[in-house]
Amino acid sequence: MSELSAEVRVQVARLKNLLIDVARCGAWNSPLGSLPHSELDPMEVQTIWWLKAESLLPVNVLAERLGGIAPPRLSRLLDRLEDAQLVQRERSVRYDRRRVRVRLTEKGRALAEQADTVVQERMARLLMPLEGEQRSALMDLLEGWVEALGGKSRAPELAPSEVAETDTSAANDVEPTAAPRPTHAKLVAITANAA
């Protein structure tokens, strides 16, 4: 940190203090934390929510989305979700059979919709203390921040040849890996609807 300018060090200190204050207000809790479901543990529900958000994910990317979960733990979690018919794993047939991707089943999509409703309500409660223009400014800043970070939060796109190699029944379900980023207008509409 010594190579940073004095201005950047001041901003880092401000950011640290703001994050501490946000945590003290109880707003730092993840909207994905403790999603309610009677039969699944919170990590299983989060897995389903992430798969809804990004459609088809390679196992290693899913592990990152879940906070860097260890491969053996993720494998057991996916086994449970497959047994419950909520997800399905697909192996690359043509190129590398070690490459495994995960997608939701219809039953999993229905459960993900329920989880997403809870997440949107929690996010709306975080945004409601701000006025409309403040919410817009916050969304603009966060979008700019994500772009400046290089949009590394998105799953890698599948090559057309990889999509074509899935079996016919799975190929009919193929959706883009990275869902389009919601526009500011959509986020405001979601917030208004959830309130």
Protein backbone atom coordinates (compact mmCIF):
# COMPACT_ATOMS: atom_id res chain seq x y z
CA MET A 1 0.00 0.00 0.00
CA SER A 2 3.02 2.27 0.34
CA GLU A 3 3.16 2.84 -3.45
CA LEU A 4 -0.38 4.28 -3.45
CA SER A 5 -0.89 8.02 -3.47
CA ALA A 6 -2.06 9.81 -0.35
CA GLU A 7 -5.43 10.44 -2.04
CA VAL A 8 -5.98 6.74 -2.71
CA ARG A 9 -4.96 5.82 0.87
CA VAL A 10 -7.54 8.31 2.19
CA GLN A 11 -10.20 6.78 -0.08
CA VAL A 12 -9.27 3.27 1.08
CA ALA A 13 -9.66 4.37 4.72
CA ARG A 14 -13.05 5.95 3.91
CA LEU A 15 -14.19 2.81 2.11
CA LYS A 16 -13.10 0.60 5.02
CA ASN A 17 -14.99 2.78 7.50
CA LEU A 18 -18.08 2.87 5.27
CA LEU A 19 -18.07 -0.91 4.97
CA ILE A 20 -17.80 -1.21 8.75
CA ASP A 21 -20.72 1.21 9.16
CA VAL A 22 -22.78 -0.70 6.58
CA ALA A 23 -22.12 -3.91 8.51
CA ARG A 24 -23.16 -2.25 11.78
CA CYS A 25 -26.46 -1.28 10.14
CA GLY A 26 -27.04 -4.94 9.28
CA ALA A 27 -27.06 -4.20 5.56
CA TRP A 28 -23.85 -6.08 4.75
CA ASN A 29 -25.45 -9.49 5.10
CA SER A 30 -25.63 -11.24 1.77
CA PRO A 31 -29.10 -11.22 0.22
CA LEU A 32 -28.30 -14.87 -0.59
CA GLY A 33 -27.69 -15.76 3.06
CA SER A 34 -30.17 -18.04 4.77
CA LEU A 35 -32.62 -18.29 1.90
CA PRO A 36 -35.67 -20.10 3.29
CA HIS A 37 -36.40 -23.63 2.19
CA SER A 38 -37.64 -26.49 4.31
CA GLU A 39 -35.70 -29.33 2.67
CA LEU A 40 -32.45 -27.70 1.51
CA ASP A 41 -29.59 -26.15 3.41
CA PRO A 42 -28.65 -22.53 2.65
CA MET A 43 -25.66 -23.48 0.46
CA GLU A 44 -27.88 -25.70 -1.70
CA VAL A 45 -30.39 -22.89 -2.18
CA GLN A 46 -27.57 -20.47 -3.04
CA THR A 47 -26.30 -22.96 -5.63
CA ILE A 48 -29.72 -23.06 -7.25
CA TRP A 49 -29.97 -19.27 -7.18
CA TRP A 50 -26.58 -18.88 -8.90
CA LEU A 51 -27.53 -21.39 -11.57
CA LYS A 52 -30.70 -19.40 -12.23
CA ALA A 53 -28.65 -16.22 -12.54
CA GLU A 54 -26.10 -17.69 -14.95
CA SER A 55 -27.86 -20.71 -16.55
CA LEU A 56 -25.08 -23.21 -17.27
CA LEU A 57 -21.92 -23.02 -15.17
CA PRO A 58 -18.70 -25.00 -15.21
CA VAL A 59 -18.19 -26.65 -11.81
CA ASN A 60 -15.07 -24.58 -11.04
CA VAL A 61 -16.94 -21.31 -11.73
CA LEU A 62 -19.84 -22.45 -9.55
CA ALA A 63 -17.34 -23.17 -6.76
CA GLU A 64 -16.08 -19.57 -7.04
CA ARG A 65 -19.63 -18.17 -6.94
CA LEU A 66 -20.18 -20.08 -3.71
CA GLY A 67 -17.23 -18.43 -2.01
CA GLY A 68 -14.50 -20.83 -3.08
CA ILE A 69 -16.13 -24.00 -1.79
CA ALA A 70 -13.75 -27.00 -1.87
CA PRO A 71 -14.27 -29.50 -4.74
CA PRO A 72 -15.17 -32.49 -2.50
CA ARG A 73 -17.79 -30.45 -0.66
CA LEU A 74 -19.22 -29.10 -3.91
CA SER A 75 -19.35 -32.60 -5.37
CA ARG A 76 -21.39 -33.85 -2.39
CA LEU A 77 -23.66 -30.80 -2.61
CA LEU A 78 -24.28 -31.42 -6.33
CA ASP A 79 -24.93 -35.11 -5.62
CA ARG A 80 -27.70 -34.12 -3.19
CA LEU A 81 -29.19 -31.63 -5.66
CA GLU A 82 -29.10 -34.21 -8.45
CA ASP A 83 -30.78 -36.78 -6.20
CA ALA A 84 -33.51 -34.19 -5.55
CA GLN A 85 -33.79 -33.69 -9.34
CA LEU A 86 -32.96 -29.98 -9.06
CA VAL A 87 -29.76 -29.91 -11.14
CA GLN A 88 -28.06 -32.00 -13.78
CA ARG A 89 -24.36 -32.29 -14.56
CA GLU A 90 -23.15 -32.50 -18.13
CA ARG A 91 -19.76 -33.71 -19.33
CA SER A 92 -18.08 -32.44 -22.44
CA VAL A 93 -18.36 -35.34 -24.87
CA ARG A 94 -16.17 -34.11 -27.69
CA TYR A 95 -13.25 -32.33 -26.01
CA ASP A 96 -12.54 -33.05 -22.37
CA ARG A 97 -14.74 -35.41 -20.37
CA ARG A 98 -13.26 -33.98 -17.17
CA ARG A 99 -15.00 -30.68 -17.89
CA VAL A 100 -18.33 -30.75 -16.09
CA ARG A 101 -21.04 -28.11 -16.29
CA VAL A 102 -24.15 -27.80 -14.17
CA ARG A 103 -27.63 -26.59 -15.11
CA LEU A 104 -31.01 -26.43 -13.41
CA THR A 105 -33.82 -28.83 -14.16
CA GLU A 106 -37.40 -27.54 -14.49
CA LYS A 107 -37.97 -28.39 -10.83
CA GLY A 108 -34.79 -26.51 -9.94
CA ARG A 109 -35.88 -23.46 -11.94
CA ALA A 110 -39.16 -23.30 -10.03
CA LEU A 111 -37.31 -23.38 -6.71
CA ALA A 112 -34.82 -20.77 -7.97
CA GLU A 113 -37.71 -18.42 -8.78
CA GLN A 114 -38.89 -18.66 -5.17
CA ALA A 115 -35.36 -17.92 -3.90
CA ASP A 116 -35.01 -15.02 -6.32
CA THR A 117 -38.19 -13.44 -4.99
CA VAL A 118 -36.72 -13.44 -1.47
CA VAL A 119 -33.42 -12.01 -2.74
CA GLN A 120 -35.21 -9.19 -4.59
CA GLU A 121 -37.25 -8.32 -1.50
CA ARG A 122 -34.09 -8.13 0.61
CA MET A 123 -32.37 -5.95 -1.98
CA ALA A 124 -35.38 -3.66 -2.15
CA ARG A 125 -35.26 -3.18 1.63
CA LEU A 126 -31.61 -2.12 1.28
CA LEU A 127 -32.42 0.41 -1.43
CA MET A 128 -35.66 1.86 -0.05
CA PRO A 129 -34.02 4.25 2.47
CA LEU A 130 -32.55 6.12 -0.53
CA GLU A 131 -34.52 8.54 -2.67
CA GLY A 132 -35.06 7.68 -6.35
CA GLU A 133 -32.20 9.84 -7.63
CA GLN A 134 -29.86 8.47 -4.97
CA ARG A 135 -30.76 4.90 -5.95
CA SER A 136 -30.11 5.75 -9.60
CA ALA A 137 -26.74 7.30 -8.75
CA LEU A 138 -25.80 4.26 -6.66
CA MET A 139 -26.72 1.88 -9.49
CA ASP A 140 -24.72 3.97 -11.98
CA LEU A 141 -21.69 3.94 -9.68
CA LEU A 142 -21.92 0.18 -9.08
CA GLU A 143 -22.29 -0.51 -12.82
CA GLY A 144 -19.23 1.63 -13.49
CA TRP A 145 -17.33 -0.19 -10.74
CA VAL A 146 -18.18 -3.61 -12.21
CA GLU A 147 -17.10 -2.43 -15.65
CA ALA A 148 -13.85 -1.02 -14.22
CA LEU A 149 -13.19 -4.37 -12.55
CA GLY A 150 -13.45 -5.96 -15.97
CA GLY A 151 -16.81 -7.64 -15.43
CA LYS A 152 -15.03 -10.64 -13.93
CA SER A 153 -18.23 -11.69 -12.21
CA ARG A 154 -19.61 -13.31 -15.37
CA ALA A 155 -19.22 -16.98 -16.23
CA PRO A 156 -17.25 -17.69 -19.40
CA GLU A 157 -19.36 -17.99 -22.53
CA LEU A 158 -19.70 -21.43 -24.07
CA ALA A 159 -18.22 -21.92 -27.50
CA PRO A 160 -20.88 -22.81 -30.11
CA SER A 161 -19.20 -26.19 -30.60
CA GLU A 162 -19.61 -26.97 -26.89
CA VAL A 163 -23.30 -26.14 -27.01
CA ALA A 164 -23.73 -28.35 -30.06
CA GLU A 165 -22.09 -31.33 -28.38
CA THR A 166 -24.75 -31.69 -25.69
CA ASP A 167 -27.39 -34.31 -26.26
CA THR A 168 -30.56 -33.29 -28.08
CA SER A 169 -32.78 -33.03 -24.99
CA ALA A 170 -30.25 -30.85 -23.17
CA ALA A 171 -29.50 -28.77 -26.26
CA ASN A 172 -33.11 -27.63 -26.39
CA ASP A 173 -32.67 -26.12 -22.93
CA VAL A 174 -29.43 -24.26 -23.65
CA GLU A 175 -29.48 -20.68 -22.52
CA PRO A 176 -26.64 -18.17 -22.72
CA THR A 177 -24.15 -18.72 -19.90
CA ALA A 178 -23.93 -15.08 -18.91
CA ALA A 179 -27.35 -13.55 -18.55
CA PRO A 180 -27.65 -10.03 -19.89
CA ARG A 181 -26.84 -7.48 -17.24
CA PRO A 182 -30.00 -5.81 -15.93
CA THR A 183 -30.34 -2.21 -16.98
CA HIS A 184 -30.84 0.55 -14.49
CA ALA A 185 -34.52 0.76 -15.45
CA LYS A 186 -35.00 -2.96 -14.76
CA LEU A 187 -33.31 -2.64 -11.36
CA VAL A 188 -35.55 0.29 -10.42
CA ALA A 189 -38.63 -1.68 -11.57
CA ILE A 190 -37.54 -4.70 -9.52
CA THR A 191 -37.03 -2.48 -6.49
CA ALA A 192 -40.41 -0.80 -6.95
CA ASN A 193 -42.19 -4.13 -7.41
CA ALA A 194 -40.54 -5.71 -4.37
CA ALA A 195 -41.37 -2.81 -2.07
